[in-house]
mmCIF file of all heavy atoms, coordinates in Angstrom:
data_MODEL
# 
_entry.id   MODEL 
# 
loop_
_atom_site.group_PDB 
_atom_site.id 
_atom_site.type_symbol 
_atom_site.label_atom_id 
_atom_site.label_alt_id 
_atom_site.label_comp_id 
_atom_site.label_asym_id 
_atom_site.label_entity_id 
_atom_site.label_seq_id 
_atom_site.pdbx_PDB_ins_code 
_atom_site.Cartn_x 
_atom_site.Cartn_y 
_atom_site.Cartn_z 
_atom_site.occupancy 
_atom_site.B_iso_or_equiv 
_atom_site.pdbx_formal_charge 
_atom_site.auth_seq_id 
_atom_site.auth_comp_id 
_atom_site.auth_asym_id 
_atom_site.auth_atom_id 
_atom_site.pdbx_PDB_model_num 
ATOM 1   N N   . GLU A 1 1  ? 46.143 129.863 73.749 1.00 0.00 ? 1  GLU A N   1 
ATOM 2   C CA  . GLU A 1 1  ? 46.884 130.478 74.847 1.00 0.00 ? 1  GLU A CA  1 
ATOM 3   C C   . GLU A 1 1  ? 48.256 130.957 74.373 1.00 0.00 ? 1  GLU A C   1 
ATOM 4   O O   . GLU A 1 1  ? 48.706 132.042 74.745 1.00 0.00 ? 1  GLU A O   1 
ATOM 5   C CB  . GLU A 1 1  ? 47.044 129.494 76.019 1.00 0.00 ? 1  GLU A CB  1 
ATOM 6   C CG  . GLU A 1 1  ? 45.762 129.193 76.764 1.00 0.00 ? 1  GLU A CG  1 
ATOM 7   C CD  . GLU A 1 1  ? 44.953 128.050 76.146 1.00 0.00 ? 1  GLU A CD  1 
ATOM 8   O OE1 . GLU A 1 1  ? 45.219 127.665 74.981 1.00 0.00 ? 1  GLU A OE1 1 
ATOM 9   O OE2 . GLU A 1 1  ? 44.043 127.560 76.827 1.00 0.00 ? 1  GLU A OE2 1 
ATOM 10  N N   . ALA A 1 2  ? 48.901 130.153 73.535 1.00 0.00 ? 2  ALA A N   1 
ATOM 11  C CA  . ALA A 1 2  ? 50.208 130.541 72.989 1.00 0.00 ? 2  ALA A CA  1 
ATOM 12  C C   . ALA A 1 2  ? 50.084 131.808 72.148 1.00 0.00 ? 2  ALA A C   1 
ATOM 13  O O   . ALA A 1 2  ? 50.895 132.733 72.276 1.00 0.00 ? 2  ALA A O   1 
ATOM 14  C CB  . ALA A 1 2  ? 50.794 129.405 72.154 1.00 0.00 ? 2  ALA A CB  1 
ATOM 15  N N   . MET A 1 3  ? 49.046 131.869 71.328 1.00 0.00 ? 3  MET A N   1 
ATOM 16  C CA  . MET A 1 3  ? 48.830 133.046 70.479 1.00 0.00 ? 3  MET A CA  1 
ATOM 17  C C   . MET A 1 3  ? 48.578 134.282 71.341 1.00 0.00 ? 3  MET A C   1 
ATOM 18  O O   . MET A 1 3  ? 49.099 135.367 71.045 1.00 0.00 ? 3  MET A O   1 
ATOM 19  C CB  . MET A 1 3  ? 47.660 132.797 69.531 1.00 0.00 ? 3  MET A CB  1 
ATOM 20  C CG  . MET A 1 3  ? 47.524 133.827 68.443 1.00 0.00 ? 3  MET A CG  1 
ATOM 21  S SD  . MET A 1 3  ? 48.870 133.816 67.237 1.00 0.00 ? 3  MET A SD  1 
ATOM 22  C CE  . MET A 1 3  ? 48.342 132.516 66.151 1.00 0.00 ? 3  MET A CE  1 
ATOM 23  N N   . ASN A 1 4  ? 47.813 134.128 72.409 1.00 0.00 ? 4  ASN A N   1 
ATOM 24  C CA  . ASN A 1 4  ? 47.540 135.259 73.304 1.00 0.00 ? 4  ASN A CA  1 
ATOM 25  C C   . ASN A 1 4  ? 48.818 135.768 73.973 1.00 0.00 ? 4  ASN A C   1 
ATOM 26  O O   . ASN A 1 4  ? 48.986 136.973 74.155 1.00 0.00 ? 4  ASN A O   1 
ATOM 27  C CB  . ASN A 1 4  ? 46.503 134.874 74.366 1.00 0.00 ? 4  ASN A CB  1 
ATOM 28  C CG  . ASN A 1 4  ? 45.117 134.728 73.776 1.00 0.00 ? 4  ASN A CG  1 
ATOM 29  O OD1 . ASN A 1 4  ? 44.811 135.299 72.724 1.00 0.00 ? 4  ASN A OD1 1 
ATOM 30  N ND2 . ASN A 1 4  ? 44.280 133.955 74.435 1.00 0.00 ? 4  ASN A ND2 1 
ATOM 31  N N   . ILE A 1 5  ? 49.696 134.862 74.340 1.00 0.00 ? 5  ILE A N   1 
ATOM 32  C CA  . ILE A 1 5  ? 50.977 135.276 74.942 1.00 0.00 ? 5  ILE A CA  1 
ATOM 33  C C   . ILE A 1 5  ? 51.804 136.048 73.916 1.00 0.00 ? 5  ILE A C   1 
ATOM 34  O O   . ILE A 1 5  ? 52.370 137.104 74.220 1.00 0.00 ? 5  ILE A O   1 
ATOM 35  C CB  . ILE A 1 5  ? 51.764 134.059 75.472 1.00 0.00 ? 5  ILE A CB  1 
ATOM 36  C CG1 . ILE A 1 5  ? 51.040 133.433 76.667 1.00 0.00 ? 5  ILE A CG1 1 
ATOM 37  C CG2 . ILE A 1 5  ? 53.190 134.451 75.856 1.00 0.00 ? 5  ILE A CG2 1 
ATOM 38  C CD1 . ILE A 1 5  ? 51.585 132.088 77.111 1.00 0.00 ? 5  ILE A CD1 1 
ATOM 39  N N   . LEU A 1 6  ? 51.860 135.541 72.696 1.00 0.00 ? 6  LEU A N   1 
ATOM 40  C CA  . LEU A 1 6  ? 52.651 136.207 71.653 1.00 0.00 ? 6  LEU A CA  1 
ATOM 41  C C   . LEU A 1 6  ? 52.127 137.614 71.357 1.00 0.00 ? 6  LEU A C   1 
ATOM 42  O O   . LEU A 1 6  ? 52.907 138.517 71.051 1.00 0.00 ? 6  LEU A O   1 
ATOM 43  C CB  . LEU A 1 6  ? 52.663 135.367 70.377 1.00 0.00 ? 6  LEU A CB  1 
ATOM 44  C CG  . LEU A 1 6  ? 53.411 134.039 70.459 1.00 0.00 ? 6  LEU A CG  1 
ATOM 45  C CD1 . LEU A 1 6  ? 53.250 133.248 69.168 1.00 0.00 ? 6  LEU A CD1 1 
ATOM 46  C CD2 . LEU A 1 6  ? 54.880 134.251 70.788 1.00 0.00 ? 6  LEU A CD2 1 
ATOM 47  N N   . LYS A 1 7  ? 50.829 137.798 71.484 1.00 0.00 ? 7  LYS A N   1 
ATOM 48  C CA  . LYS A 1 7  ? 50.230 139.118 71.222 1.00 0.00 ? 7  LYS A CA  1 
ATOM 49  C C   . LYS A 1 7  ? 50.648 140.157 72.259 1.00 0.00 ? 7  LYS A C   1 
ATOM 50  O O   . LYS A 1 7  ? 50.526 141.353 72.015 1.00 0.00 ? 7  LYS A O   1 
ATOM 51  C CB  . LYS A 1 7  ? 48.707 139.008 71.188 1.00 0.00 ? 7  LYS A CB  1 
ATOM 52  C CG  . LYS A 1 7  ? 48.182 138.335 69.942 1.00 0.00 ? 7  LYS A CG  1 
ATOM 53  C CD  . LYS A 1 7  ? 46.673 138.221 69.978 1.00 0.00 ? 7  LYS A CD  1 
ATOM 54  C CE  . LYS A 1 7  ? 46.158 137.460 68.765 1.00 0.00 ? 7  LYS A CE  1 
ATOM 55  N NZ  . LYS A 1 7  ? 44.692 137.270 68.833 1.00 0.00 ? 7  LYS A NZ  1 
ATOM 56  N N   . THR A 1 8  ? 51.149 139.717 73.408 1.00 0.00 ? 8  THR A N   1 
ATOM 57  C CA  . THR A 1 8  ? 51.556 140.675 74.447 1.00 0.00 ? 8  THR A CA  1 
ATOM 58  C C   . THR A 1 8  ? 52.972 141.207 74.226 1.00 0.00 ? 8  THR A C   1 
ATOM 59  O O   . THR A 1 8  ? 53.400 142.104 74.941 1.00 0.00 ? 8  THR A O   1 
ATOM 60  C CB  . THR A 1 8  ? 51.486 140.034 75.854 1.00 0.00 ? 8  THR A CB  1 
ATOM 61  O OG1 . THR A 1 8  ? 52.436 138.979 75.948 1.00 0.00 ? 8  THR A OG1 1 
ATOM 62  C CG2 . THR A 1 8  ? 50.087 139.518 76.162 1.00 0.00 ? 8  THR A CG2 1 
ATOM 63  N N   . ILE A 1 9  ? 53.674 140.677 73.246 1.00 0.00 ? 9  ILE A N   1 
ATOM 64  C CA  . ILE A 1 9  ? 55.045 141.147 72.949 1.00 0.00 ? 9  ILE A CA  1 
ATOM 65  C C   . ILE A 1 9  ? 54.937 142.224 71.874 1.00 0.00 ? 9  ILE A C   1 
ATOM 66  O O   . ILE A 1 9  ? 54.545 141.942 70.741 1.00 0.00 ? 9  ILE A O   1 
ATOM 67  C CB  . ILE A 1 9  ? 55.943 139.982 72.485 1.00 0.00 ? 9  ILE A CB  1 
ATOM 68  C CG1 . ILE A 1 9  ? 56.004 138.901 73.556 1.00 0.00 ? 9  ILE A CG1 1 
ATOM 69  C CG2 . ILE A 1 9  ? 57.337 140.498 72.130 1.00 0.00 ? 9  ILE A CG2 1 
ATOM 70  C CD1 . ILE A 1 9  ? 56.712 137.639 73.137 1.00 0.00 ? 9  ILE A CD1 1 
ATOM 71  N N   . HIS A 1 10 ? 55.309 143.443 72.248 1.00 0.00 ? 10 HIS A N   1 
ATOM 72  C CA  . HIS A 1 10 ? 55.127 144.580 71.340 1.00 0.00 ? 10 HIS A CA  1 
ATOM 73  C C   . HIS A 1 10 ? 56.428 145.117 70.765 1.00 0.00 ? 10 HIS A C   1 
ATOM 74  O O   . HIS A 1 10 ? 56.414 146.035 69.971 1.00 0.00 ? 10 HIS A O   1 
ATOM 75  C CB  . HIS A 1 10 ? 54.379 145.706 72.069 1.00 0.00 ? 10 HIS A CB  1 
ATOM 76  C CG  . HIS A 1 10 ? 53.046 145.266 72.593 1.00 0.00 ? 10 HIS A CG  1 
ATOM 77  N ND1 . HIS A 1 10 ? 51.987 144.920 71.782 1.00 0.00 ? 10 HIS A ND1 1 
ATOM 78  C CD2 . HIS A 1 10 ? 52.617 145.074 73.858 1.00 0.00 ? 10 HIS A CD2 1 
ATOM 79  C CE1 . HIS A 1 10 ? 50.959 144.554 72.520 1.00 0.00 ? 10 HIS A CE1 1 
ATOM 80  N NE2 . HIS A 1 10 ? 51.318 144.630 73.796 1.00 0.00 ? 10 HIS A NE2 1 
ATOM 81  N N   . ASN A 1 11 ? 57.535 144.563 71.162 1.00 0.00 ? 11 ASN A N   1 
ATOM 82  C CA  . ASN A 1 11 ? 58.837 144.997 70.666 1.00 0.00 ? 11 ASN A CA  1 
ATOM 83  C C   . ASN A 1 11 ? 59.077 144.325 69.310 1.00 0.00 ? 11 ASN A C   1 
ATOM 84  O O   . ASN A 1 11 ? 59.115 143.101 69.207 1.00 0.00 ? 11 ASN A O   1 
ATOM 85  C CB  . ASN A 1 11 ? 59.923 144.610 71.670 1.00 0.00 ? 11 ASN A CB  1 
ATOM 86  C CG  . ASN A 1 11 ? 61.282 145.140 71.291 1.00 0.00 ? 11 ASN A CG  1 
ATOM 87  O OD1 . ASN A 1 11 ? 61.596 145.326 70.121 1.00 0.00 ? 11 ASN A OD1 1 
ATOM 88  N ND2 . ASN A 1 11 ? 62.106 145.373 72.294 1.00 0.00 ? 11 ASN A ND2 1 
ATOM 89  N N   . HIS A 1 12 ? 59.267 145.136 68.278 1.00 0.00 ? 12 HIS A N   1 
ATOM 90  C CA  . HIS A 1 12 ? 59.398 144.600 66.914 1.00 0.00 ? 12 HIS A CA  1 
ATOM 91  C C   . HIS A 1 12 ? 60.707 143.859 66.671 1.00 0.00 ? 12 HIS A C   1 
ATOM 92  O O   . HIS A 1 12 ? 60.860 143.203 65.639 1.00 0.00 ? 12 HIS A O   1 
ATOM 93  C CB  . HIS A 1 12 ? 59.220 145.722 65.885 1.00 0.00 ? 12 HIS A CB  1 
ATOM 94  C CG  . HIS A 1 12 ? 57.840 146.290 65.900 1.00 0.00 ? 12 HIS A CG  1 
ATOM 95  N ND1 . HIS A 1 12 ? 56.736 145.571 65.517 1.00 0.00 ? 12 HIS A ND1 1 
ATOM 96  C CD2 . HIS A 1 12 ? 57.380 147.499 66.292 1.00 0.00 ? 12 HIS A CD2 1 
ATOM 97  C CE1 . HIS A 1 12 ? 55.658 146.303 65.654 1.00 0.00 ? 12 HIS A CE1 1 
ATOM 98  N NE2 . HIS A 1 12 ? 56.016 147.485 66.137 1.00 0.00 ? 12 HIS A NE2 1 
ATOM 99  N N   . ASN A 1 13 ? 61.637 143.948 67.591 1.00 0.00 ? 13 ASN A N   1 
ATOM 100 C CA  . ASN A 1 13 ? 62.886 143.192 67.442 1.00 0.00 ? 13 ASN A CA  1 
ATOM 101 C C   . ASN A 1 13 ? 62.660 141.682 67.534 1.00 0.00 ? 13 ASN A C   1 
ATOM 102 O O   . ASN A 1 13 ? 63.521 140.906 67.149 1.00 0.00 ? 13 ASN A O   1 
ATOM 103 C CB  . ASN A 1 13 ? 63.905 143.620 68.502 1.00 0.00 ? 13 ASN A CB  1 
ATOM 104 C CG  . ASN A 1 13 ? 64.360 145.042 68.311 1.00 0.00 ? 13 ASN A CG  1 
ATOM 105 O OD1 . ASN A 1 13 ? 64.461 145.531 67.195 1.00 0.00 ? 13 ASN A OD1 1 
ATOM 106 N ND2 . ASN A 1 13 ? 64.621 145.731 69.410 1.00 0.00 ? 13 ASN A ND2 1 
ATOM 107 N N   . TRP A 1 14 ? 61.520 141.294 68.057 1.00 0.00 ? 14 TRP A N   1 
ATOM 108 C CA  . TRP A 1 14 ? 61.205 139.873 68.233 1.00 0.00 ? 14 TRP A CA  1 
ATOM 109 C C   . TRP A 1 14 ? 60.258 139.357 67.147 1.00 0.00 ? 14 TRP A C   1 
ATOM 110 O O   . TRP A 1 14 ? 59.840 138.209 67.196 1.00 0.00 ? 14 TRP A O   1 
ATOM 111 C CB  . TRP A 1 14 ? 60.574 139.654 69.615 1.00 0.00 ? 14 TRP A CB  1 
ATOM 112 C CG  . TRP A 1 14 ? 61.462 140.064 70.729 1.00 0.00 ? 14 TRP A CG  1 
ATOM 113 C CD1 . TRP A 1 14 ? 61.483 141.278 71.368 1.00 0.00 ? 14 TRP A CD1 1 
ATOM 114 C CD2 . TRP A 1 14 ? 62.489 139.293 71.336 1.00 0.00 ? 14 TRP A CD2 1 
ATOM 115 N NE1 . TRP A 1 14 ? 62.453 141.291 72.332 1.00 0.00 ? 14 TRP A NE1 1 
ATOM 116 C CE2 . TRP A 1 14 ? 63.086 140.090 72.337 1.00 0.00 ? 14 TRP A CE2 1 
ATOM 117 C CE3 . TRP A 1 14 ? 62.965 138.003 71.137 1.00 0.00 ? 14 TRP A CE3 1 
ATOM 118 C CZ2 . TRP A 1 14 ? 64.124 139.635 73.128 1.00 0.00 ? 14 TRP A CZ2 1 
ATOM 119 C CZ3 . TRP A 1 14 ? 63.996 137.548 71.936 1.00 0.00 ? 14 TRP A CZ3 1 
ATOM 120 C CH2 . TRP A 1 14 ? 64.566 138.361 72.907 1.00 0.00 ? 14 TRP A CH2 1 
ATOM 121 N N   . ASP A 1 15 ? 59.927 140.183 66.148 1.00 0.00 ? 15 ASP A N   1 
ATOM 122 C CA  . ASP A 1 15 ? 58.933 139.813 65.131 1.00 0.00 ? 15 ASP A CA  1 
ATOM 123 C C   . ASP A 1 15 ? 59.274 138.525 64.394 1.00 0.00 ? 15 ASP A C   1 
ATOM 124 O O   . ASP A 1 15 ? 58.398 137.697 64.141 1.00 0.00 ? 15 ASP A O   1 
ATOM 125 C CB  . ASP A 1 15 ? 58.742 140.944 64.113 1.00 0.00 ? 15 ASP A CB  1 
ATOM 126 C CG  . ASP A 1 15 ? 57.895 142.077 64.664 1.00 0.00 ? 15 ASP A CG  1 
ATOM 127 O OD1 . ASP A 1 15 ? 57.313 141.912 65.761 1.00 0.00 ? 15 ASP A OD1 1 
ATOM 128 O OD2 . ASP A 1 15 ? 57.806 143.125 64.001 1.00 0.00 ? 15 ASP A OD2 1 
ATOM 129 N N   . ASN A 1 16 ? 60.554 138.328 64.055 1.00 0.00 ? 16 ASN A N   1 
ATOM 130 C CA  . ASN A 1 16 ? 60.927 137.123 63.312 1.00 0.00 ? 16 ASN A CA  1 
ATOM 131 C C   . ASN A 1 16 ? 60.594 135.863 64.119 1.00 0.00 ? 16 ASN A C   1 
ATOM 132 O O   . ASN A 1 16 ? 60.073 134.890 63.575 1.00 0.00 ? 16 ASN A O   1 
ATOM 133 C CB  . ASN A 1 16 ? 62.401 137.155 62.912 1.00 0.00 ? 16 ASN A CB  1 
ATOM 134 C CG  . ASN A 1 16 ? 63.329 137.348 64.097 1.00 0.00 ? 16 ASN A CG  1 
ATOM 135 O OD1 . ASN A 1 16 ? 62.975 137.972 65.094 1.00 0.00 ? 16 ASN A OD1 1 
ATOM 136 N ND2 . ASN A 1 16 ? 64.519 136.813 63.995 1.00 0.00 ? 16 ASN A ND2 1 
ATOM 137 N N   . ILE A 1 17 ? 60.856 135.892 65.408 1.00 0.00 ? 17 ILE A N   1 
ATOM 138 C CA  . ILE A 1 17 ? 60.586 134.721 66.254 1.00 0.00 ? 17 ILE A CA  1 
ATOM 139 C C   . ILE A 1 17 ? 59.085 134.551 66.449 1.00 0.00 ? 17 ILE A C   1 
ATOM 140 O O   . ILE A 1 17 ? 58.562 133.434 66.378 1.00 0.00 ? 17 ILE A O   1 
ATOM 141 C CB  . ILE A 1 17 ? 61.312 134.864 67.613 1.00 0.00 ? 17 ILE A CB  1 
ATOM 142 C CG1 . ILE A 1 17 ? 62.828 134.899 67.388 1.00 0.00 ? 17 ILE A CG1 1 
ATOM 143 C CG2 . ILE A 1 17 ? 60.929 133.744 68.561 1.00 0.00 ? 17 ILE A CG2 1 
ATOM 144 C CD1 . ILE A 1 17 ? 63.633 135.285 68.606 1.00 0.00 ? 17 ILE A CD1 1 
ATOM 145 N N   . ILE A 1 18 ? 58.398 135.663 66.669 1.00 0.00 ? 18 ILE A N   1 
ATOM 146 C CA  . ILE A 1 18 ? 56.946 135.616 66.882 1.00 0.00 ? 18 ILE A CA  1 
ATOM 147 C C   . ILE A 1 18 ? 56.245 135.055 65.652 1.00 0.00 ? 18 ILE A C   1 
ATOM 148 O O   . ILE A 1 18 ? 55.375 134.176 65.761 1.00 0.00 ? 18 ILE A O   1 
ATOM 149 C CB  . ILE A 1 18 ? 56.408 137.017 67.246 1.00 0.00 ? 18 ILE A CB  1 
ATOM 150 C CG1 . ILE A 1 18 ? 56.947 137.442 68.611 1.00 0.00 ? 18 ILE A CG1 1 
ATOM 151 C CG2 . ILE A 1 18 ? 54.886 137.044 67.229 1.00 0.00 ? 18 ILE A CG2 1 
ATOM 152 C CD1 . ILE A 1 18 ? 56.719 138.908 68.959 1.00 0.00 ? 18 ILE A CD1 1 
ATOM 153 N N   . GLU A 1 19 ? 56.604 135.556 64.478 1.00 0.00 ? 19 GLU A N   1 
ATOM 154 C CA  . GLU A 1 19 ? 55.965 135.087 63.240 1.00 0.00 ? 19 GLU A CA  1 
ATOM 155 C C   . GLU A 1 19 ? 56.268 133.600 63.006 1.00 0.00 ? 19 GLU A C   1 
ATOM 156 O O   . GLU A 1 19 ? 55.400 132.844 62.570 1.00 0.00 ? 19 GLU A O   1 
ATOM 157 C CB  . GLU A 1 19 ? 56.422 135.926 62.041 1.00 0.00 ? 19 GLU A CB  1 
ATOM 158 C CG  . GLU A 1 19 ? 56.094 137.406 62.142 1.00 0.00 ? 19 GLU A CG  1 
ATOM 159 C CD  . GLU A 1 19 ? 54.613 137.707 62.312 1.00 0.00 ? 19 GLU A CD  1 
ATOM 160 O OE1 . GLU A 1 19 ? 53.772 136.986 61.754 1.00 0.00 ? 19 GLU A OE1 1 
ATOM 161 O OE2 . GLU A 1 19 ? 54.293 138.682 63.023 1.00 0.00 ? 19 GLU A OE2 1 
ATOM 162 N N   . ASN A 1 20 ? 57.483 133.180 63.302 1.00 0.00 ? 20 ASN A N   1 
ATOM 163 C CA  . ASN A 1 20 ? 57.860 131.774 63.171 1.00 0.00 ? 20 ASN A CA  1 
ATOM 164 C C   . ASN A 1 20 ? 56.989 130.906 64.091 1.00 0.00 ? 20 ASN A C   1 
ATOM 165 O O   . ASN A 1 20 ? 56.486 129.857 63.691 1.00 0.00 ? 20 ASN A O   1 
ATOM 166 C CB  . ASN A 1 20 ? 59.345 131.603 63.489 1.00 0.00 ? 20 ASN A CB  1 
ATOM 167 C CG  . ASN A 1 20 ? 59.844 130.201 63.236 1.00 0.00 ? 20 ASN A CG  1 
ATOM 168 O OD1 . ASN A 1 20 ? 59.164 129.347 62.673 1.00 0.00 ? 20 ASN A OD1 1 
ATOM 169 N ND2 . ASN A 1 20 ? 61.050 129.938 63.664 1.00 0.00 ? 20 ASN A ND2 1 
ATOM 170 N N   . MET A 1 21 ? 56.820 131.364 65.327 1.00 0.00 ? 21 MET A N   1 
ATOM 171 C CA  . MET A 1 21 ? 56.014 130.600 66.279 1.00 0.00 ? 21 MET A CA  1 
ATOM 172 C C   . MET A 1 21 ? 54.538 130.584 65.875 1.00 0.00 ? 21 MET A C   1 
ATOM 173 O O   . MET A 1 21 ? 53.849 129.579 66.054 1.00 0.00 ? 21 MET A O   1 
ATOM 174 C CB  . MET A 1 21 ? 56.200 131.164 67.691 1.00 0.00 ? 21 MET A CB  1 
ATOM 175 C CG  . MET A 1 21 ? 57.594 130.869 68.238 1.00 0.00 ? 21 MET A CG  1 
ATOM 176 S SD  . MET A 1 21 ? 57.918 131.619 69.846 1.00 0.00 ? 21 MET A SD  1 
ATOM 177 C CE  . MET A 1 21 ? 56.903 130.603 70.902 1.00 0.00 ? 21 MET A CE  1 
ATOM 178 N N   . LYS A 1 22 ? 54.064 131.679 65.310 1.00 0.00 ? 22 LYS A N   1 
ATOM 179 C CA  . LYS A 1 22 ? 52.676 131.700 64.822 1.00 0.00 ? 22 LYS A CA  1 
ATOM 180 C C   . LYS A 1 22 ? 52.511 130.675 63.704 1.00 0.00 ? 22 LYS A C   1 
ATOM 181 O O   . LYS A 1 22 ? 51.486 129.991 63.625 1.00 0.00 ? 22 LYS A O   1 
ATOM 182 C CB  . LYS A 1 22 ? 52.300 133.098 64.325 1.00 0.00 ? 22 LYS A CB  1 
ATOM 183 C CG  . LYS A 1 22 ? 52.049 134.093 65.432 1.00 0.00 ? 22 LYS A CG  1 
ATOM 184 C CD  . LYS A 1 22 ? 51.676 135.457 64.866 1.00 0.00 ? 22 LYS A CD  1 
ATOM 185 C CE  . LYS A 1 22 ? 51.438 136.477 65.958 1.00 0.00 ? 22 LYS A CE  1 
ATOM 186 N NZ  . LYS A 1 22 ? 51.138 137.819 65.416 1.00 0.00 ? 22 LYS A NZ  1 
ATOM 187 N N   . GLY A 1 23 ? 53.526 130.559 62.851 1.00 0.00 ? 23 GLY A N   1 
ATOM 188 C CA  . GLY A 1 23 ? 53.488 129.524 61.815 1.00 0.00 ? 23 GLY A CA  1 
ATOM 189 C C   . GLY A 1 23 ? 53.393 128.140 62.430 1.00 0.00 ? 23 GLY A C   1 
ATOM 190 O O   . GLY A 1 23 ? 52.626 127.286 61.961 1.00 0.00 ? 23 GLY A O   1 
ATOM 191 N N   . ASP A 1 24 ? 54.156 127.911 63.499 1.00 0.00 ? 24 ASP A N   1 
ATOM 192 C CA  . ASP A 1 24 ? 54.093 126.619 64.199 1.00 0.00 ? 24 ASP A CA  1 
ATOM 193 C C   . ASP A 1 24 ? 52.704 126.371 64.789 1.00 0.00 ? 24 ASP A C   1 
ATOM 194 O O   . ASP A 1 24 ? 52.204 125.241 64.760 1.00 0.00 ? 24 ASP A O   1 
ATOM 195 C CB  . ASP A 1 24 ? 55.149 126.564 65.309 1.00 0.00 ? 24 ASP A CB  1 
ATOM 196 C CG  . ASP A 1 24 ? 56.575 126.577 64.772 1.00 0.00 ? 24 ASP A CG  1 
ATOM 197 O OD1 . ASP A 1 24 ? 56.777 126.315 63.562 1.00 0.00 ? 24 ASP A OD1 1 
ATOM 198 O OD2 . ASP A 1 24 ? 57.489 126.857 65.569 1.00 0.00 ? 24 ASP A OD2 1 
ATOM 199 N N   . ILE A 1 25 ? 52.111 127.424 65.318 1.00 0.00 ? 25 ILE A N   1 
ATOM 200 C CA  . ILE A 1 25 ? 50.761 127.290 65.887 1.00 0.00 ? 25 ILE A CA  1 
ATOM 201 C C   . ILE A 1 25 ? 49.768 126.884 64.806 1.00 0.00 ? 25 ILE A C   1 
ATOM 202 O O   . ILE A 1 25 ? 48.968 125.963 64.994 1.00 0.00 ? 25 ILE A O   1 
ATOM 203 C CB  . ILE A 1 25 ? 50.319 128.608 66.573 1.00 0.00 ? 25 ILE A CB  1 
ATOM 204 C CG1 . ILE A 1 25 ? 51.144 128.845 67.841 1.00 0.00 ? 25 ILE A CG1 1 
ATOM 205 C CG2 . ILE A 1 25 ? 48.826 128.605 66.883 1.00 0.00 ? 25 ILE A CG2 1 
ATOM 206 C CD1 . ILE A 1 25 ? 50.979 130.226 68.458 1.00 0.00 ? 25 ILE A CD1 1 
ATOM 207 N N   . PHE A 1 26 ? 49.830 127.554 63.650 1.00 0.00 ? 26 PHE A N   1 
ATOM 208 C CA  . PHE A 1 26 ? 48.894 127.206 62.571 1.00 0.00 ? 26 PHE A CA  1 
ATOM 209 C C   . PHE A 1 26 ? 49.173 125.815 62.014 1.00 0.00 ? 26 PHE A C   1 
ATOM 210 O O   . PHE A 1 26 ? 48.260 125.132 61.574 1.00 0.00 ? 26 PHE A O   1 
ATOM 211 C CB  . PHE A 1 26 ? 48.907 128.279 61.476 1.00 0.00 ? 26 PHE A CB  1 
ATOM 212 C CG  . PHE A 1 26 ? 48.100 129.477 61.849 1.00 0.00 ? 26 PHE A CG  1 
ATOM 213 C CD1 . PHE A 1 26 ? 48.714 130.636 62.280 1.00 0.00 ? 26 PHE A CD1 1 
ATOM 214 C CD2 . PHE A 1 26 ? 46.715 129.437 61.819 1.00 0.00 ? 26 PHE A CD2 1 
ATOM 215 C CE1 . PHE A 1 26 ? 47.965 131.740 62.653 1.00 0.00 ? 26 PHE A CE1 1 
ATOM 216 C CE2 . PHE A 1 26 ? 45.959 130.528 62.186 1.00 0.00 ? 26 PHE A CE2 1 
ATOM 217 C CZ  . PHE A 1 26 ? 46.577 131.694 62.609 1.00 0.00 ? 26 PHE A CZ  1 
# 
């Protein structure tokens, strides 16, 4: 569910936070 929410953010200014959170998910 967390990964699905992150996929809805399309603004690249948030990429650093999104990638960090994806690392936490994995």
